[in-house]
Amino acid sequence: MSDFQQNLEKYAELAVKVGVNIQKGQTLVVYATIDAAELVRHVVKKAYETGAYDVVVNWNDDTVSRTKYDLAAEEVFTEYPVWHAKEREEMVEKGAAFMSIISSSPDLLKGVNPERISNFQKAAGKALIKYRQAVQSDKVSWTVIAAAAPAWAAKVFPNEPVDSQVTKLWDAIFKATRVDTENPVEAWKKHDETLHEKVQYLNEKRYEKLHYKAQGTDLTIELPKTHIWVGAGSVNENGFEFMANMPTEEVFTVPLKTGVNGTVASTKPLSYGGNIIDRFSVTFENGKIIDVKAEEGEDILKRLVETDEGSHYLGEVALVPVNSPISQSDILFFNTLFDENASNHLAIGSAYAFCIEGGKKMTADEQKENGLNQSLTHVDFMIGSAEMDIDGITADGKIEAVFRNGNWAF
């Protein structure tokens, strides 16, 4: 067996046993493009070998998706198939686990009318609201992983020979997910423990605010009184651990919806809706986005902010040091799953309920009362750099270093 095949098997095993942590008798639902077929087959096999009751695979094809955006009627993009949403809701009720394997080109929808993209994002967001609530409250186990594909690899490694681009991207994915170690499952357990040390420190500190300073950034973020910092592994409603993102290098919490003030500048391109948004800034007043500017993709960014009321506010605050492995690789993946784990980031849109005390069991109204933002969307964007300093401000006004020059200060 080649090294690549061995790594692919190890990756599939990691996704099944650590990502979703499939349990005996549980159903696994997989969403993937046809470019990921080889990995999907390994995942299906590993899932059944681990005790899965059933594995349901939902395929899509980037070429078909692009053709639809180019040629379909306008009205198609304002609708989302009810049966797709009902399938997810039914699978949630059955206690299924969900795995998304992403591999699409960051430029898949470049040149498509932005209104079509925006309409579809809104329609999907409304239709999948119950499913998203289940995911964002950790009711179910879920994970997002990636598979190398030609168009994506060409974007990441444009100067490499065409016949080696996909191999190079696979190598980068294996390294970022610790698949290149002797025992990836054990490596992830140790990584989980390391992130939890940072989580524990921040949860003991109970900072009232964070103050970010860097070139183009002067931003203050107030945190809810009952906020909880979280990192790496999560726990579903049945008490089983899972890893929502692979890779992950972040510890994160929620901002107070109305407590964000100042301006923040992006430090990496954002791949959103099949387009790239780059070199942009976002200005907040009492939590609300009051201005956005972008050198590339400004119209797409403005439409994202206009998705609904909640997309004018933040839902996540995440800390990632610049000495993290993905950052040190100096590879720009043009994919948020990877790029957010190389940089401090924020998320426009909905907040994770499990980031406040008792949040998992709160109703939507109770979450709102506790300062959590609600939206049809949740989009991370990267703001970290080696110049970034972050101060933690306690309830009695004491200022303490959290980040200095882009790395942990404690």
Protein backbone atom coordinates (compact mmCIF):
# COMPACT_ATOMS: atom_id res chain seq x y z
CA MET A 1 0.00 0.00 0.00
CA SER A 2 1.37 3.45 -0.94
CA ASP A 3 2.02 6.15 1.67
CA PHE A 4 -0.89 8.11 0.20
CA GLN A 5 -3.32 5.21 0.59
CA GLN A 6 -2.13 4.61 4.16
CA ASN A 7 -2.64 8.28 5.00
CA LEU A 8 -6.07 8.31 3.37
CA GLU A 9 -7.12 5.33 5.50
CA LYS A 10 -5.74 6.99 8.64
CA TYR A 11 -7.59 10.20 7.74
CA ALA A 12 -10.88 8.33 7.27
CA GLU A 13 -10.40 6.52 10.58
CA LEU A 14 -9.65 9.83 12.32
CA ALA A 15 -12.77 11.46 10.86
CA VAL A 16 -14.95 8.53 11.95
CA LYS A 17 -13.46 7.84 15.40
CA VAL A 18 -12.48 11.35 16.53
CA GLY A 19 -14.40 13.68 14.18
CA VAL A 20 -17.94 12.33 14.61
CA ASN A 21 -16.94 9.57 17.09
CA ILE A 22 -19.50 7.21 15.57
CA GLN A 23 -21.24 4.93 18.07
CA LYS A 24 -22.48 1.37 17.59
CA GLY A 25 -25.94 1.43 15.99
CA GLN A 26 -25.69 5.09 14.94
CA THR A 27 -26.34 6.41 11.42
CA LEU A 28 -23.73 8.59 9.70
CA VAL A 29 -24.81 11.17 7.10
CA VAL A 30 -22.06 12.33 4.72
CA TYR A 31 -22.14 15.38 2.42
CA ALA A 32 -19.40 15.43 -0.23
CA THR A 33 -18.51 16.38 -3.79
CA ILE A 34 -17.67 13.68 -6.31
CA ASP A 35 -14.02 14.88 -6.16
CA ALA A 36 -13.91 13.37 -2.66
CA ALA A 37 -15.18 9.94 -3.76
CA GLU A 38 -12.04 8.01 -2.82
CA LEU A 39 -12.00 9.43 0.72
CA VAL A 40 -15.76 8.93 1.08
CA ARG A 41 -15.40 5.22 0.27
CA HIS A 42 -12.81 4.87 3.04
CA VAL A 43 -15.06 6.78 5.46
CA VAL A 44 -18.03 4.54 4.68
CA LYS A 45 -15.94 1.39 5.23
CA LYS A 46 -14.44 2.68 8.51
CA ALA A 47 -17.87 3.76 9.76
CA TYR A 48 -19.39 0.32 9.22
CA GLU A 49 -16.33 -1.36 10.73
CA THR A 50 -16.71 0.88 13.79
CA GLY A 51 -20.36 -0.16 14.24
CA ALA A 52 -22.45 2.31 12.24
CA TYR A 53 -26.01 1.17 11.59
CA ASP A 54 -26.19 2.94 8.22
CA VAL A 55 -24.13 5.41 6.19
CA VAL A 56 -26.08 7.81 3.96
CA VAL A 57 -24.00 9.70 1.37
CA ASN A 58 -25.32 12.86 -0.31
CA TRP A 59 -23.26 13.76 -3.38
CA ASN A 60 -22.91 16.99 -5.30
CA ASP A 61 -20.87 17.98 -8.32
CA ASP A 62 -19.18 21.38 -8.74
CA THR A 63 -19.65 21.42 -12.52
CA VAL A 64 -23.37 20.75 -12.16
CA SER A 65 -23.63 23.41 -9.43
CA ARG A 66 -21.93 26.01 -11.60
CA THR A 67 -24.13 25.15 -14.59
CA LYS A 68 -27.21 25.64 -12.43
CA TYR A 69 -26.03 29.08 -11.26
CA ASP A 70 -25.33 30.09 -14.88
CA LEU A 71 -28.46 28.74 -16.58
CA ALA A 72 -31.32 28.07 -14.12
CA ALA A 73 -34.33 30.37 -13.72
CA GLU A 74 -34.03 33.20 -11.18
CA GLU A 75 -36.84 31.77 -9.04
CA VAL A 76 -34.90 28.55 -8.40
CA PHE A 77 -32.51 30.41 -6.12
CA THR A 78 -35.27 31.71 -3.86
CA GLU A 79 -36.38 28.15 -3.05
CA TYR A 80 -34.79 25.33 -1.06
CA PRO A 81 -36.19 21.77 -1.41
CA VAL A 82 -38.34 21.06 1.64
CA TRP A 83 -37.48 17.36 1.49
CA HIS A 84 -33.77 18.10 1.88
CA ALA A 85 -34.45 20.08 5.05
CA LYS A 86 -36.87 17.42 6.37
CA GLU A 87 -34.27 14.69 5.76
CA ARG A 88 -31.76 16.51 7.96
CA GLU A 89 -34.36 17.17 10.67
CA GLU A 90 -35.41 13.50 10.66
CA MET A 91 -31.79 12.37 10.88
CA VAL A 92 -31.23 14.74 13.83
CA GLU A 93 -34.22 13.20 15.63
CA LYS A 94 -32.78 9.72 15.00
CA GLY A 95 -29.52 10.80 16.62
CA ALA A 96 -27.45 10.56 13.45
CA ALA A 97 -23.96 12.05 13.12
CA PHE A 98 -23.12 14.42 10.26
CA MET A 99 -19.89 14.73 8.26
CA SER A 100 -19.21 17.35 5.60
CA ILE A 101 -16.25 16.79 3.29
CA ILE A 102 -15.40 20.02 1.49
CA SER A 103 -13.29 20.27 -1.66
CA SER A 104 -14.85 22.93 -3.90
CA SER A 105 -12.87 25.56 -5.74
CA PRO A 106 -12.79 28.93 -3.92
CA ASP A 107 -13.63 30.49 -7.31
CA LEU A 108 -16.47 28.10 -8.16
CA LEU A 109 -19.07 30.86 -8.53
CA LYS A 110 -16.80 33.70 -9.66
CA GLY A 111 -18.68 35.89 -12.14
CA VAL A 112 -22.12 34.61 -11.11
CA ASN A 113 -24.74 37.29 -10.39
CA PRO A 114 -24.23 37.97 -6.62
CA GLU A 115 -28.01 38.22 -6.16
CA ARG A 116 -28.41 34.55 -7.13
CA ILE A 117 -25.82 33.52 -4.55
CA SER A 118 -27.35 35.76 -1.87
CA ASN A 119 -30.90 34.51 -2.59
CA PHE A 120 -29.84 30.88 -2.33
CA GLN A 121 -27.90 31.47 0.92
CA LYS A 122 -31.02 33.07 2.43
CA ALA A 123 -33.37 30.33 1.19
CA ALA A 124 -31.08 27.58 2.50
CA GLY A 125 -30.60 29.41 5.80
CA LYS A 126 -34.36 29.67 6.39
CA ALA A 127 -35.09 26.07 5.37
CA LEU A 128 -32.28 24.60 7.48
CA ILE A 129 -32.87 26.66 10.62
CA LYS A 130 -33.90 23.67 12.78
CA TYR A 131 -30.91 21.65 11.61
CA ARG A 132 -28.54 24.57 12.25
CA GLN A 133 -29.95 25.04 15.76
CA ALA A 134 -29.29 21.35 16.48
CA VAL A 135 -25.71 21.70 15.25
CA GLN A 136 -25.02 24.98 17.04
CA SER A 137 -26.29 23.65 20.38
CA ASP A 138 -24.29 20.39 20.08
CA LYS A 139 -27.46 18.29 20.05
CA VAL A 140 -25.77 16.05 17.48
CA SER A 141 -22.21 15.06 16.63
CA TRP A 142 -20.84 16.70 13.49
CA THR A 143 -17.55 17.35 11.79
CA VAL A 144 -16.15 19.20 8.79
CA ILE A 145 -13.08 17.82 7.00
CA ALA A 146 -11.57 18.40 3.55
CA ALA A 147 -10.46 16.51 0.45
CA ALA A 148 -8.01 17.76 -2.16
CA ALA A 149 -9.44 18.46 -5.62
CA PRO A 150 -7.85 19.79 -8.84
CA ALA A 151 -9.45 23.26 -8.99
CA TRP A 152 -8.85 23.97 -5.30
CA ALA A 153 -5.26 22.65 -5.49
CA ALA A 154 -4.54 24.86 -8.50
CA LYS A 155 -5.66 27.92 -6.53
CA VAL A 156 -3.45 27.03 -3.53
CA PHE A 157 -0.37 25.95 -5.52
CA PRO A 158 -0.50 27.86 -8.85
CA ASN A 159 3.28 27.68 -9.35
CA GLU A 160 3.47 23.89 -8.98
CA PRO A 161 3.32 21.58 -12.02
CA VAL A 162 -0.32 20.65 -12.67
CA ASP A 163 0.29 16.94 -12.11
CA SER A 164 1.65 17.55 -8.58
CA GLN A 165 -0.81 20.17 -7.30
CA VAL A 166 -3.37 17.73 -5.86
CA THR A 167 -0.64 15.64 -4.21
CA LYS A 168 0.82 18.75 -2.61
CA LEU A 169 -2.60 19.79 -1.27
CA TRP A 170 -3.22 16.30 0.14
CA ASP A 171 0.16 16.47 1.90
CA ALA A 172 -0.79 19.84 3.41
CA ILE A 173 -4.17 18.46 4.57
CA PHE A 174 -2.54 15.39 6.14
CA LYS A 175 -0.02 17.59 7.97
CA ALA A 176 -2.64 20.07 9.20
CA THR A 177 -4.82 17.25 10.55
CA ARG A 178 -1.88 15.36 12.14
CA VAL A 179 -2.49 12.38 9.87
CA ASP A 180 1.24 12.34 9.11
CA THR A 181 1.97 11.32 12.74
CA GLU A 182 2.39 7.69 13.77
CA ASN A 183 -0.90 7.61 15.70
CA PRO A 184 -3.22 10.46 14.64
CA VAL A 185 -5.97 9.48 17.11
CA GLU A 186 -3.55 9.77 20.06
CA ALA A 187 -2.04 12.97 18.62
CA TRP A 188 -5.51 14.54 18.58
CA LYS A 189 -6.17 13.55 22.19
CA LYS A 190 -2.98 15.36 23.25
CA HIS A 191 -3.86 18.36 21.09
CA ASP A 192 -7.32 18.49 22.70
CA GLU A 193 -5.70 18.58 26.16
CA THR A 194 -3.36 21.43 25.14
CA LEU A 195 -6.23 23.60 23.87
CA HIS A 196 -8.22 22.90 27.02
CA GLU A 197 -5.41 24.38 29.15
CA LYS A 198 -5.96 27.72 27.38
CA VAL A 199 -9.73 27.33 27.73
CA GLN A 200 -9.43 26.72 31.46
CA TYR A 201 -7.24 29.80 31.99
CA LEU A 202 -9.65 32.09 30.09
CA ASN A 203 -12.70 30.67 31.86
CA GLU A 204 -11.07 31.31 35.23
CA LYS A 205 -10.22 34.90 34.24
CA ARG A 206 -13.80 35.80 33.17
CA TYR A 207 -12.72 38.85 31.18
CA GLU A 208 -15.47 41.41 30.65
CA LYS A 209 -13.94 42.76 27.43
CA LEU A 210 -11.20 42.07 24.90
CA HIS A 211 -9.35 44.93 23.21
CA TYR A 212 -7.69 44.17 19.84
CA LYS A 213 -4.95 46.38 18.36
CA ALA A 214 -3.05 45.90 15.10
CA GLN A 215 -2.56 47.70 11.80
CA GLY A 216 -6.04 48.78 10.68
CA THR A 217 -7.61 47.28 13.82
CA ASP A 218 -8.77 48.96 17.02
CA LEU A 219 -11.68 46.93 18.32
CA THR A 220 -13.29 46.31 21.72
CA ILE A 221 -15.49 43.24 22.23
CA GLU A 222 -17.63 42.87 25.34
CA LEU A 223 -18.37 39.30 26.44
CA PRO A 224 -21.62 38.06 28.04
CA LYS A 225 -21.41 37.66 31.83
CA THR A 226 -22.00 33.91 31.53
CA HIS A 227 -19.73 33.31 28.51
CA ILE A 228 -17.78 30.06 28.24
CA TRP A 229 -14.55 29.59 26.29
CA VAL A 230 -14.46 26.35 24.29
CA GLY A 231 -11.72 24.59 22.35
CA ALA A 232 -11.25 21.48 20.22
CA GLY A 233 -13.56 18.69 21.41
CA SER A 234 -17.30 19.13 22.03
CA VAL A 235 -19.87 16.87 23.72
CA ASN A 236 -23.28 16.01 22.23
CA GLU A 237 -26.53 15.72 24.19
CA ASN A 238 -25.88 12.02 24.85
CA GLY A 239 -22.49 12.73 26.41
CA PHE A 240 -20.31 11.57 23.50
CA GLU A 241 -17.30 13.66 22.49
CA PHE A 242 -16.74 14.79 18.90
CA MET A 243 -14.44 17.18 17.01
CA ALA A 244 -16.47 19.66 14.93
CA ASN A 245 -13.57 20.90 12.78
CA MET A 246 -10.52 18.99 11.64
CA PRO A 247 -8.14 20.79 11.69
CA THR A 248 -8.76 23.06 14.67
CA GLU A 249 -6.31 25.27 16.56
CA GLU A 250 -8.78 27.74 18.07
CA VAL A 251 -10.33 28.51 21.41
CA PHE A 252 -13.50 30.53 21.06
CA THR A 253 -16.50 32.08 22.74
CA VAL A 254 -19.37 34.45 21.94
CA PRO A 255 -19.45 38.24 22.00
CA LEU A 256 -22.21 40.22 23.64
CA LYS A 257 -24.38 41.04 20.62
CA THR A 258 -24.49 44.80 21.33
CA GLY A 259 -21.00 45.07 22.85
CA VAL A 260 -18.69 45.40 19.82
CA ASN A 261 -17.17 48.78 18.95
CA GLY A 262 -14.42 49.94 16.58
CA THR A 263 -12.88 48.76 13.33
CA VAL A 264 -11.20 45.49 12.38
CA ALA A 265 -9.14 44.73 9.26
CA SER A 266 -8.96 41.35 7.54
CA THR A 267 -5.57 39.65 7.22
CA LYS A 268 -6.44 36.77 4.88
CA PRO A 269 -8.83 36.37 1.92
CA LEU A 270 -12.29 35.05 2.74
CA SER A 271 -13.76 32.39 0.47
CA TYR A 272 -17.55 32.82 0.60
CA GLY A 273 -20.30 31.77 -1.79
CA GLY A 274 -17.83 30.61 -4.43
CA ASN A 275 -16.07 34.00 -4.45
CA ILE A 276 -13.07 35.63 -2.79
CA ILE A 277 -13.44 38.69 -0.53
CA ASP A 278 -10.07 40.28 0.24
CA ARG A 279 -8.37 43.24 1.92
CA PHE A 280 -11.48 44.39 3.76
CA SER A 281 -12.42 46.21 6.95
CA VAL A 282 -15.55 46.11 9.12
CA THR A 283 -16.67 48.89 11.47
CA PHE A 284 -19.01 48.30 14.45
CA GLU A 285 -21.06 50.53 16.70
CA ASN A 286 -22.87 49.00 19.70
CA GLY A 287 -22.42 45.61 18.09
CA LYS A 288 -23.87 46.53 14.70
CA ILE A 289 -21.87 46.59 11.47
CA ILE A 290 -22.19 50.17 10.23
CA ASP A 291 -19.61 50.10 7.43
CA VAL A 292 -17.67 47.61 5.29
CA LYS A 293 -14.97 48.26 2.71
CA ALA A 294 -13.21 45.69 0.51
CA GLU A 295 -10.69 45.95 -2.31
CA GLU A 296 -12.04 42.68 -3.76
CA GLY A 297 -15.58 41.29 -3.42
CA GLU A 298 -17.13 44.29 -1.66
CA ASP A 299 -20.56 43.66 -3.21
CA ILE A 300 -20.50 40.03 -1.98
CA LEU A 301 -19.50 41.19 1.52
CA LYS A 302 -22.27 43.78 1.63
CA ARG A 303 -24.84 41.19 0.57
CA LEU A 304 -23.58 38.84 3.30
CA VAL A 305 -24.11 41.58 5.91
CA GLU A 306 -27.61 42.22 4.50
CA THR A 307 -28.68 38.55 4.83
CA ASP A 308 -30.88 39.34 7.84
CA GLU A 309 -30.89 41.40 11.04
CA GLY A 310 -28.46 39.06 12.80
CA SER A 311 -25.89 39.19 9.99
CA HIS A 312 -25.22 42.80 11.01
CA TYR A 313 -23.69 41.47 14.25
CA LEU A 314 -20.98 39.04 15.39
CA GLY A 315 -21.55 35.51 16.70
CA GLU A 316 -18.04 34.23 17.48
CA VAL A 317 -14.71 35.42 18.88
CA ALA A 318 -11.81 32.99 18.27
CA LEU A 319 -8.18 33.08 19.34
CA VAL A 320 -5.44 31.33 17.32
CA PRO A 321 -1.70 32.06 17.75
CA VAL A 322 0.46 32.78 14.69
CA ASN A 323 2.82 30.02 15.82
CA SER A 324 0.10 27.41 15.16
CA PRO A 325 1.13 24.67 12.68
CA ILE A 326 -1.14 25.91 9.88
CA SER A 327 0.10 29.47 10.26
CA GLN A 328 3.70 28.26 10.28
CA SER A 329 3.14 26.33 7.04
CA ASP A 330 2.75 29.69 5.23
CA ILE A 331 0.13 28.09 2.99
CA LEU A 332 -2.92 30.18 2.13
CA PHE A 333 -5.64 27.56 1.64
CA PHE A 334 -8.40 29.93 0.41
CA ASN A 335 -10.63 27.80 2.61
CA THR A 336 -11.98 28.95 5.97
CA LEU A 337 -11.67 25.50 7.59
CA PHE A 338 -7.89 25.84 7.31
CA ASP A 339 -7.27 29.59 7.15
CA GLU A 340 -9.29 30.31 10.31
CA ASN A 341 -6.92 27.95 12.15
CA ALA A 342 -3.93 30.05 11.15
CA SER A 343 -5.34 33.28 12.53
CA ASN A 344 -7.46 35.00 15.15
CA HIS A 345 -10.89 35.34 13.65
CA LEU A 346 -14.42 36.59 14.18
CA ALA A 347 -17.70 35.33 12.73
CA ILE A 348 -20.53 37.36 11.27
CA GLY A 349 -23.93 35.91 12.17
CA SER A 350 -25.25 33.31 14.59
CA ALA A 351 -23.67 32.42 17.93
CA TYR A 352 -23.07 28.96 19.37
CA ALA A 353 -25.48 28.33 22.25
CA PHE A 354 -22.97 26.12 24.08
CA CYS A 355 -20.74 29.18 24.64
CA ILE A 356 -22.86 30.49 27.51
CA GLU A 357 -23.77 28.74 30.75
CA GLY A 358 -26.90 26.63 30.25
CA GLY A 359 -27.12 27.74 26.62
CA LYS A 360 -27.66 24.26 25.18
CA LYS A 361 -31.02 23.97 26.98
CA MET A 362 -32.21 27.53 26.40
CA THR A 363 -35.00 28.45 24.02
CA ALA A 364 -34.18 30.84 21.19
CA ASP A 365 -35.77 33.70 23.18
CA GLU A 366 -33.72 32.88 26.27
CA GLN A 367 -30.53 32.81 24.21
CA LYS A 368 -31.44 36.23 22.85
CA GLU A 369 -32.04 37.58 26.37
CA ASN A 370 -28.55 36.40 27.34
CA GLY A 371 -26.90 38.42 24.57
CA LEU A 372 -26.52 35.73 21.89
CA ASN A 373 -26.87 36.75 18.27
CA GLN A 374 -29.19 34.80 15.96
CA SER A 375 -28.93 34.69 12.18
CA LEU A 376 -29.42 32.47 9.15
CA THR A 377 -25.69 32.70 8.52
CA HIS A 378 -22.36 32.14 10.29
CA VAL A 379 -19.25 33.22 8.37
CA ASP A 380 -15.75 33.34 9.87
CA PHE A 381 -13.21 35.92 8.69
CA MET A 382 -9.54 36.16 9.61
CA ILE A 383 -8.05 39.13 11.48
CA GLY A 384 -4.88 37.82 13.20
CA SER A 385 -1.27 38.77 12.47
CA ALA A 386 2.16 38.81 14.07
CA GLU A 387 1.50 42.47 14.98
CA MET A 388 -1.72 41.84 16.89
CA ASP A 389 -1.97 42.56 20.63
CA ILE A 390 -5.06 41.62 22.63
CA ASP A 391 -5.78 42.80 26.18
CA GLY A 392 -8.27 41.22 28.53
CA ILE A 393 -10.17 43.72 30.68
CA THR A 394 -11.61 42.46 33.96
CA ALA A 395 -14.87 43.61 35.56
CA ASP A 396 -12.90 45.91 37.90
CA GLY A 397 -11.00 47.49 34.98
CA LYS A 398 -7.71 45.63 35.30
CA ILE A 399 -5.91 45.23 31.94
CA GLU A 400 -3.99 41.99 31.29
CA ALA A 401 -2.10 40.71 28.24
CA VAL A 402 -3.83 37.86 26.39
CA PHE A 403 -1.90 38.09 23.08
CA ARG A 404 1.33 39.84 22.27
CA ASN A 405 2.75 39.97 18.74
CA GLY A 406 0.19 37.44 17.56
CA ASN A 407 0.87 34.75 20.19
CA TRP A 408 -0.45 33.78 23.61
CA ALA A 409 0.89 36.05 26.35
CA PHE A 410 0.30 33.50 29.14
